[in-house]
Amino acid sequence: MRLTTKGRFAVTAMIDLAMRQAEGPVTLAGISKRQKISLSYLEQLFGKLRRDRIVESTRGPGGGYSLCRDGSTITVADIITAVDEPIDATQCGGKGNCHGQDEHNMQCMTHDLWSNLNKKMVDYLQSVTLRDLVAQQEHRNVVVVSPFINQNKPAQIAQNKKNTLNVVDAKTVKKEPVPKRFIVNSVFNLAQQN
């Protein structure tokens, strides 16, 4: 079993999205540029993620994608299966006809080994949440920087380490409170700002 680029890119893009959505909807163009993933490929992946209600889209100026639910409820298995990535180490796709459609319809000698591996992989991928992956990035002192909104200062500085995210070395960034900025992405939000 190998995880193809489809699954890898989907998980990578979802981590990027989860790290930046506090500022508002995240554009696929931004994810594409930061993660070096083709924009058209991301559009295909996010179409599937949207259909599975993992992400939602906002249209118009300031639009983009955001998570449909909390990152602690989205697992890596959810993301991978949403983009139609098979999680299967068996040769037969779990059907048990490892030698094809012969008269005996027999399993290969290692079928149980690969089936058990499938169960372990699925169990593991279901145990890892998007929030866990973001926390790993935070632990590595990753800080999200939004140069357009905060002039190269961290977009969000939290009092606890849970919300500190990275694109630059956190040691070089002064940790001072940054006022929360309201992002106008619709006429309705503009009216609420006043």
C-alpha atoms as a PDB file:
ATOM      1  CA  MET A   1       0.000   0.000   0.000  1.00  0.00           C
ATOM      2  CA  ARG A   2       1.269   3.432  -0.813  1.00  0.00           C
ATOM      3  CA  LEU A   3      -0.305   6.777  -0.157  1.00  0.00           C
ATOM      4  CA  THR A   4      -0.348   8.674  -3.431  1.00  0.00           C
ATOM      5  CA  THR A   5       0.172  12.408  -3.880  1.00  0.00           C
ATOM      6  CA  LYS A   6      -3.608  12.876  -3.783  1.00  0.00           C
ATOM      7  CA  GLY A   7      -3.791  11.874  -0.118  1.00  0.00           C
ATOM      8  CA  ARG A   8      -0.548  13.608   0.825  1.00  0.00           C
ATOM      9  CA  PHE A   9      -1.521  16.870  -0.848  1.00  0.00           C
ATOM     10  CA  ALA A  10      -5.011  16.804   0.662  1.00  0.00           C
ATOM     11  CA  VAL A  11      -3.656  16.389   4.199  1.00  0.00           C
ATOM     12  CA  THR A  12      -0.961  19.042   3.652  1.00  0.00           C
ATOM     13  CA  ALA A  13      -3.475  21.534   2.259  1.00  0.00           C
ATOM     14  CA  MET A  14      -5.872  20.881   5.146  1.00  0.00           C
ATOM     15  CA  ILE A  15      -3.125  21.570   7.704  1.00  0.00           C
ATOM     16  CA  ASP A  16      -2.324  24.834   5.917  1.00  0.00           C
ATOM     17  CA  LEU A  17      -6.020  25.773   5.903  1.00  0.00           C
ATOM     18  CA  ALA A  18      -6.503  24.916   9.581  1.00  0.00           C
ATOM     19  CA  MET A  19      -3.464  26.971  10.564  1.00  0.00           C
ATOM     20  CA  ARG A  20      -4.689  30.085   8.747  1.00  0.00           C
ATOM     21  CA  GLN A  21      -8.474  30.087   8.953  1.00  0.00           C
ATOM     22  CA  ALA A  22      -8.536  32.278  12.085  1.00  0.00           C
ATOM     23  CA  GLU A  23      -7.971  35.235   9.733  1.00  0.00           C
ATOM     24  CA  GLY A  24     -10.962  34.291   7.597  1.00  0.00           C
ATOM     25  CA  PRO A  25     -11.445  32.118   4.531  1.00  0.00           C
ATOM     26  CA  VAL A  26      -8.183  30.829   3.045  1.00  0.00           C
ATOM     27  CA  THR A  27      -7.639  31.000  -0.706  1.00  0.00           C
ATOM     28  CA  LEU A  28      -6.511  28.008  -2.698  1.00  0.00           C
ATOM     29  CA  ALA A  29      -4.064  30.300  -4.507  1.00  0.00           C
ATOM     30  CA  GLY A  30      -2.398  31.016  -1.161  1.00  0.00           C
ATOM     31  CA  ILE A  31      -2.217  27.329  -0.247  1.00  0.00           C
ATOM     32  CA  SER A  32      -0.898  26.568  -3.735  1.00  0.00           C
ATOM     33  CA  LYS A  33       1.879  29.129  -3.409  1.00  0.00           C
ATOM     34  CA  ARG A  34       2.900  28.149   0.136  1.00  0.00           C
ATOM     35  CA  GLN A  35       2.772  24.375  -0.351  1.00  0.00           C
ATOM     36  CA  LYS A  36       3.860  24.283  -4.010  1.00  0.00           C
ATOM     37  CA  ILE A  37       0.779  22.323  -5.109  1.00  0.00           C
ATOM     38  CA  SER A  38      -0.901  22.997  -8.450  1.00  0.00           C
ATOM     39  CA  LEU A  39      -3.919  25.284  -8.099  1.00  0.00           C
ATOM     40  CA  SER A  40      -6.018  23.171 -10.474  1.00  0.00           C
ATOM     41  CA  TYR A  41      -5.166  20.043  -8.452  1.00  0.00           C
ATOM     42  CA  LEU A  42      -6.178  21.803  -5.226  1.00  0.00           C
ATOM     43  CA  GLU A  43      -9.475  22.838  -6.838  1.00  0.00           C
ATOM     44  CA  GLN A  44     -10.218  19.178  -7.583  1.00  0.00           C
ATOM     45  CA  LEU A  45      -9.291  18.068  -4.059  1.00  0.00           C
ATOM     46  CA  PHE A  46     -11.265  20.834  -2.350  1.00  0.00           C
ATOM     47  CA  GLY A  47     -14.306  20.091  -4.500  1.00  0.00           C
ATOM     48  CA  LYS A  48     -14.284  16.574  -3.040  1.00  0.00           C
ATOM     49  CA  LEU A  49     -13.603  17.840   0.495  1.00  0.00           C
ATOM     50  CA  ARG A  50     -16.513  20.276   0.154  1.00  0.00           C
ATOM     51  CA  ARG A  51     -18.865  17.520  -1.042  1.00  0.00           C
ATOM     52  CA  ASP A  52     -17.933  15.491   2.061  1.00  0.00           C
ATOM     53  CA  ARG A  53     -18.657  18.566   4.222  1.00  0.00           C
ATOM     54  CA  ILE A  54     -15.126  18.829   5.549  1.00  0.00           C
ATOM     55  CA  VAL A  55     -14.626  22.334   4.173  1.00  0.00           C
ATOM     56  CA  GLU A  56     -16.981  25.085   3.095  1.00  0.00           C
ATOM     57  CA  SER A  57     -16.407  27.835   0.575  1.00  0.00           C
ATOM     58  CA  THR A  58     -17.097  31.552   0.711  1.00  0.00           C
ATOM     59  CA  ARG A  59     -17.465  33.368  -2.593  1.00  0.00           C
ATOM     60  CA  GLY A  60     -16.561  36.889  -3.519  1.00  0.00           C
ATOM     61  CA  PRO A  61     -13.799  39.262  -2.417  1.00  0.00           C
ATOM     62  CA  GLY A  62     -12.144  37.926   0.713  1.00  0.00           C
ATOM     63  CA  GLY A  63     -13.567  34.497  -0.043  1.00  0.00           C
ATOM     64  CA  GLY A  64     -11.908  31.137   0.163  1.00  0.00           C
ATOM     65  CA  TYR A  65     -12.251  27.966   2.184  1.00  0.00           C
ATOM     66  CA  SER A  66     -12.689  27.255   5.882  1.00  0.00           C
ATOM     67  CA  LEU A  67     -13.342  24.138   7.939  1.00  0.00           C
ATOM     68  CA  CYS A  68     -16.962  23.017   8.264  1.00  0.00           C
ATOM     69  CA  ARG A  69     -16.348  21.733  11.772  1.00  0.00           C
ATOM     70  CA  ASP A  70     -13.720  21.846  14.484  1.00  0.00           C
ATOM     71  CA  GLY A  71     -10.341  20.373  13.537  1.00  0.00           C
ATOM     72  CA  SER A  72     -10.519  18.008  16.507  1.00  0.00           C
ATOM     73  CA  THR A  73     -13.411  16.178  14.806  1.00  0.00           C
ATOM     74  CA  ILE A  74     -11.745  15.822  11.384  1.00  0.00           C
ATOM     75  CA  THR A  75      -9.447  12.805  11.114  1.00  0.00           C
ATOM     76  CA  VAL A  76      -6.748  12.063   8.571  1.00  0.00           C
ATOM     77  CA  ALA A  77      -8.865   9.085   7.488  1.00  0.00           C
ATOM     78  CA  ASP A  78     -11.779  11.478   6.790  1.00  0.00           C
ATOM     79  CA  ILE A  79      -9.558  13.619   4.567  1.00  0.00           C
ATOM     80  CA  ILE A  80      -7.996  10.708   2.688  1.00  0.00           C
ATOM     81  CA  THR A  81     -11.282   8.920   2.018  1.00  0.00           C
ATOM     82  CA  ALA A  82     -12.951  12.199   0.982  1.00  0.00           C
ATOM     83  CA  VAL A  83     -10.491  12.578  -1.896  1.00  0.00           C
ATOM     84  CA  ASP A  84     -11.088   8.959  -2.980  1.00  0.00           C
ATOM     85  CA  GLU A  85      -7.713   7.695  -1.803  1.00  0.00           C
ATOM     86  CA  PRO A  86      -7.875   3.951  -1.127  1.00  0.00           C
ATOM     87  CA  ILE A  87      -6.401   2.737   2.151  1.00  0.00           C
ATOM     88  CA  ASP A  88      -5.781  -0.868   1.203  1.00  0.00           C
ATOM     89  CA  ALA A  89      -2.665  -3.032   1.301  1.00  0.00           C
ATOM     90  CA  THR A  90      -4.301  -6.151  -0.160  1.00  0.00           C
ATOM     91  CA  GLN A  91      -3.860  -7.110  -3.769  1.00  0.00           C
ATOM     92  CA  CYS A  92      -7.548  -7.988  -4.111  1.00  0.00           C
ATOM     93  CA  GLY A  93      -9.005  -4.811  -2.634  1.00  0.00           C
ATOM     94  CA  GLY A  94     -10.290  -6.742   0.375  1.00  0.00           C
ATOM     95  CA  LYS A  95     -12.533  -9.025  -1.712  1.00  0.00           C
ATOM     96  CA  GLY A  96     -10.631 -12.209  -0.883  1.00  0.00           C
ATOM     97  CA  ASN A  97     -10.215 -13.319  -4.498  1.00  0.00           C
ATOM     98  CA  CYS A  98      -6.471 -12.678  -4.500  1.00  0.00           C
ATOM     99  CA  HIS A  99      -5.793 -14.978  -7.449  1.00  0.00           C
ATOM    100  CA  GLY A 100      -8.486 -13.483  -9.617  1.00  0.00           C
ATOM    101  CA  GLN A 101     -11.707 -15.123 -10.635  1.00  0.00           C
ATOM    102  CA  ASP A 102     -10.500 -18.725 -10.765  1.00  0.00           C
ATOM    103  CA  GLU A 103     -12.618 -21.785 -10.035  1.00  0.00           C
ATOM    104  CA  HIS A 104     -11.508 -21.931  -6.389  1.00  0.00           C
ATOM    105  CA  ASN A 105     -11.790 -18.178  -5.642  1.00  0.00           C
ATOM    106  CA  MET A 106      -8.926 -18.600  -3.160  1.00  0.00           C
ATOM    107  CA  GLN A 107      -7.174 -16.060  -0.993  1.00  0.00           C
ATOM    108  CA  CYS A 108      -3.427 -15.711  -1.218  1.00  0.00           C
ATOM    109  CA  MET A 109      -1.351 -17.004   1.680  1.00  0.00           C
ATOM    110  CA  THR A 110      -0.664 -13.473   2.977  1.00  0.00           C
ATOM    111  CA  HIS A 111      -4.220 -12.120   2.649  1.00  0.00           C
ATOM    112  CA  ASP A 112      -4.826 -12.052   6.421  1.00  0.00           C
ATOM    113  CA  LEU A 113      -1.512 -10.269   6.986  1.00  0.00           C
ATOM    114  CA  TRP A 114      -2.429  -7.445   4.590  1.00  0.00           C
ATOM    115  CA  SER A 115      -6.022  -7.284   5.844  1.00  0.00           C
ATOM    116  CA  ASN A 116      -4.780  -6.840   9.413  1.00  0.00           C
ATOM    117  CA  LEU A 117      -2.359  -4.168   8.220  1.00  0.00           C
ATOM    118  CA  ASN A 118      -5.316  -2.362   6.606  1.00  0.00           C
ATOM    119  CA  LYS A 119      -7.195  -2.401   9.913  1.00  0.00           C
ATOM    120  CA  LYS A 120      -4.166  -1.013  11.784  1.00  0.00           C
ATOM    121  CA  MET A 121      -3.650   1.744   9.199  1.00  0.00           C
ATOM    122  CA  VAL A 122      -7.291   2.778   9.271  1.00  0.00           C
ATOM    123  CA  ASP A 123      -7.339   2.714  13.079  1.00  0.00           C
ATOM    124  CA  TYR A 124      -4.230   4.904  13.197  1.00  0.00           C
ATOM    125  CA  LEU A 125      -5.470   7.384  10.580  1.00  0.00           C
ATOM    126  CA  GLN A 126      -8.808   7.619  12.416  1.00  0.00           C
ATOM    127  CA  SER A 127      -6.966   8.393  15.654  1.00  0.00           C
ATOM    128  CA  VAL A 128      -5.026  11.367  14.234  1.00  0.00           C
ATOM    129  CA  THR A 129      -7.049  14.569  13.968  1.00  0.00           C
ATOM    130  CA  LEU A 130      -6.386  17.717  12.000  1.00  0.00           C
ATOM    131  CA  ARG A 131      -6.007  19.503  15.339  1.00  0.00           C
ATOM    132  CA  ASP A 132      -3.221  17.016  16.266  1.00  0.00           C
ATOM    133  CA  LEU A 133      -1.360  17.830  13.052  1.00  0.00           C
ATOM    134  CA  VAL A 134      -1.681  21.577  13.642  1.00  0.00           C
ATOM    135  CA  ALA A 135      -0.416  21.067  17.205  1.00  0.00           C
ATOM    136  CA  GLN A 136       2.645  19.278  15.801  1.00  0.00           C
ATOM    137  CA  GLN A 137       3.395  22.344  13.689  1.00  0.00           C
ATOM    138  CA  GLU A 138       2.910  24.579  16.725  1.00  0.00           C
ATOM    139  CA  HIS A 139       5.275  22.384  18.720  1.00  0.00           C
ATOM    140  CA  ARG A 140       7.878  22.964  16.001  1.00  0.00           C
ATOM    141  CA  ASN A 141       7.422  26.723  16.659  1.00  0.00           C
ATOM    142  CA  VAL A 142       5.765  27.393  13.332  1.00  0.00           C
ATOM    143  CA  VAL A 143       4.229  30.898  13.198  1.00  0.00           C
ATOM    144  CA  VAL A 144       1.698  31.942  10.590  1.00  0.00           C
ATOM    145  CA  VAL A 145       2.636  35.245   9.019  1.00  0.00           C
ATOM    146  CA  SER A 146       0.183  37.354   7.071  1.00  0.00           C
ATOM    147  CA  PRO A 147       2.145  40.214   5.498  1.00  0.00           C
ATOM    148  CA  PHE A 148      -0.910  41.799   3.912  1.00  0.00           C
ATOM    149  CA  ILE A 149      -2.871  42.167   7.125  1.00  0.00           C
ATOM    150  CA  ASN A 150      -0.276  42.640   9.848  1.00  0.00           C
ATOM    151  CA  GLN A 151       2.836  43.904   8.022  1.00  0.00           C
ATOM    152  CA  ASN A 152       5.006  40.818   8.626  1.00  0.00           C
ATOM    153  CA  LYS A 153       3.902  40.338  12.226  1.00  0.00           C
ATOM    154  CA  PRO A 154       2.286  37.091  13.340  1.00  0.00           C
ATOM    155  CA  ALA A 155      -1.370  37.018  12.383  1.00  0.00           C
ATOM    156  CA  GLN A 156      -2.341  35.609  15.743  1.00  0.00           C
ATOM    157  CA  ILE A 157      -0.355  35.561  18.973  1.00  0.00           C
ATOM    158  CA  ALA A 158      -2.026  33.523  21.641  1.00  0.00           C
ATOM    159  CA  GLN A 159      -1.448  33.583  25.373  1.00  0.00           C
ATOM    160  CA  ASN A 160      -0.964  29.829  25.355  1.00  0.00           C
ATOM    161  CA  LYS A 161       1.185  27.813  22.970  1.00  0.00           C
ATOM    162  CA  LYS A 162      -1.838  26.095  21.397  1.00  0.00           C
ATOM    163  CA  ASN A 163      -2.552  28.882  18.913  1.00  0.00           C
ATOM    164  CA  THR A 164       0.989  29.871  17.923  1.00  0.00           C
ATOM    165  CA  LEU A 165       1.598  28.767  14.330  1.00  0.00           C
ATOM    166  CA  ASN A 166       4.566  29.246  11.946  1.00  0.00           C
ATOM    167  CA  VAL A 167       5.973  30.166   8.607  1.00  0.00           C
ATOM    168  CA  VAL A 168       9.030  31.959  10.077  1.00  0.00           C
ATOM    169  CA  ASP A 169      11.350  31.157  12.947  1.00  0.00           C
ATOM    170  CA  ALA A 170       9.418  31.986  16.106  1.00  0.00           C
ATOM    171  CA  LYS A 171      12.619  33.029  17.884  1.00  0.00           C
ATOM    172  CA  THR A 172      12.945  36.067  15.615  1.00  0.00           C
ATOM    173  CA  VAL A 173       9.364  37.263  16.133  1.00  0.00           C
ATOM    174  CA  LYS A 174       8.604  39.541  19.073  1.00  0.00           C
ATOM    175  CA  LYS A 175       5.674  38.157  21.018  1.00  0.00           C
ATOM    176  CA  GLU A 176       3.511  41.191  21.577  1.00  0.00           C
ATOM    177  CA  PRO A 177      -0.285  41.225  21.566  1.00  0.00           C
ATOM    178  CA  VAL A 178      -1.735  41.819  18.130  1.00  0.00           C
ATOM    179  CA  PRO A 179      -5.260  43.218  17.974  1.00  0.00           C
ATOM    180  CA  LYS A 180      -7.722  40.926  16.257  1.00  0.00           C
ATOM    181  CA  ARG A 181      -8.543  42.303  12.839  1.00  0.00           C
ATOM    182  CA  PHE A 182     -11.955  42.036  11.297  1.00  0.00           C
ATOM    183  CA  ILE A 183     -11.817  40.758   7.727  1.00  0.00           C
ATOM    184  CA  VAL A 184     -14.569  42.014   5.504  1.00  0.00           C
ATOM    185  CA  ASN A 185     -15.580  39.269   3.098  1.00  0.00           C
ATOM    186  CA  SER A 186     -19.121  40.324   2.408  1.00  0.00           C
ATOM    187  CA  VAL A 187     -21.482  43.278   2.566  1.00  0.00           C
ATOM    188  CA  PHE A 188     -23.137  41.704   5.613  1.00  0.00           C
ATOM    189  CA  ASN A 189     -19.862  41.552   7.548  1.00  0.00           C
ATOM    190  CA  LEU A 190     -19.093  45.132   6.567  1.00  0.00           C
ATOM    191  CA  ALA A 191     -22.397  46.228   8.097  1.00  0.00           C
ATOM    192  CA  GLN A 192     -21.631  44.253  11.281  1.00  0.00           C
ATOM    193  CA  GLN A 193     -18.236  45.912  11.641  1.00  0.00           C
ATOM    194  CA  ASN A 194     -19.760  49.347  12.349  1.00  0.00           C
END
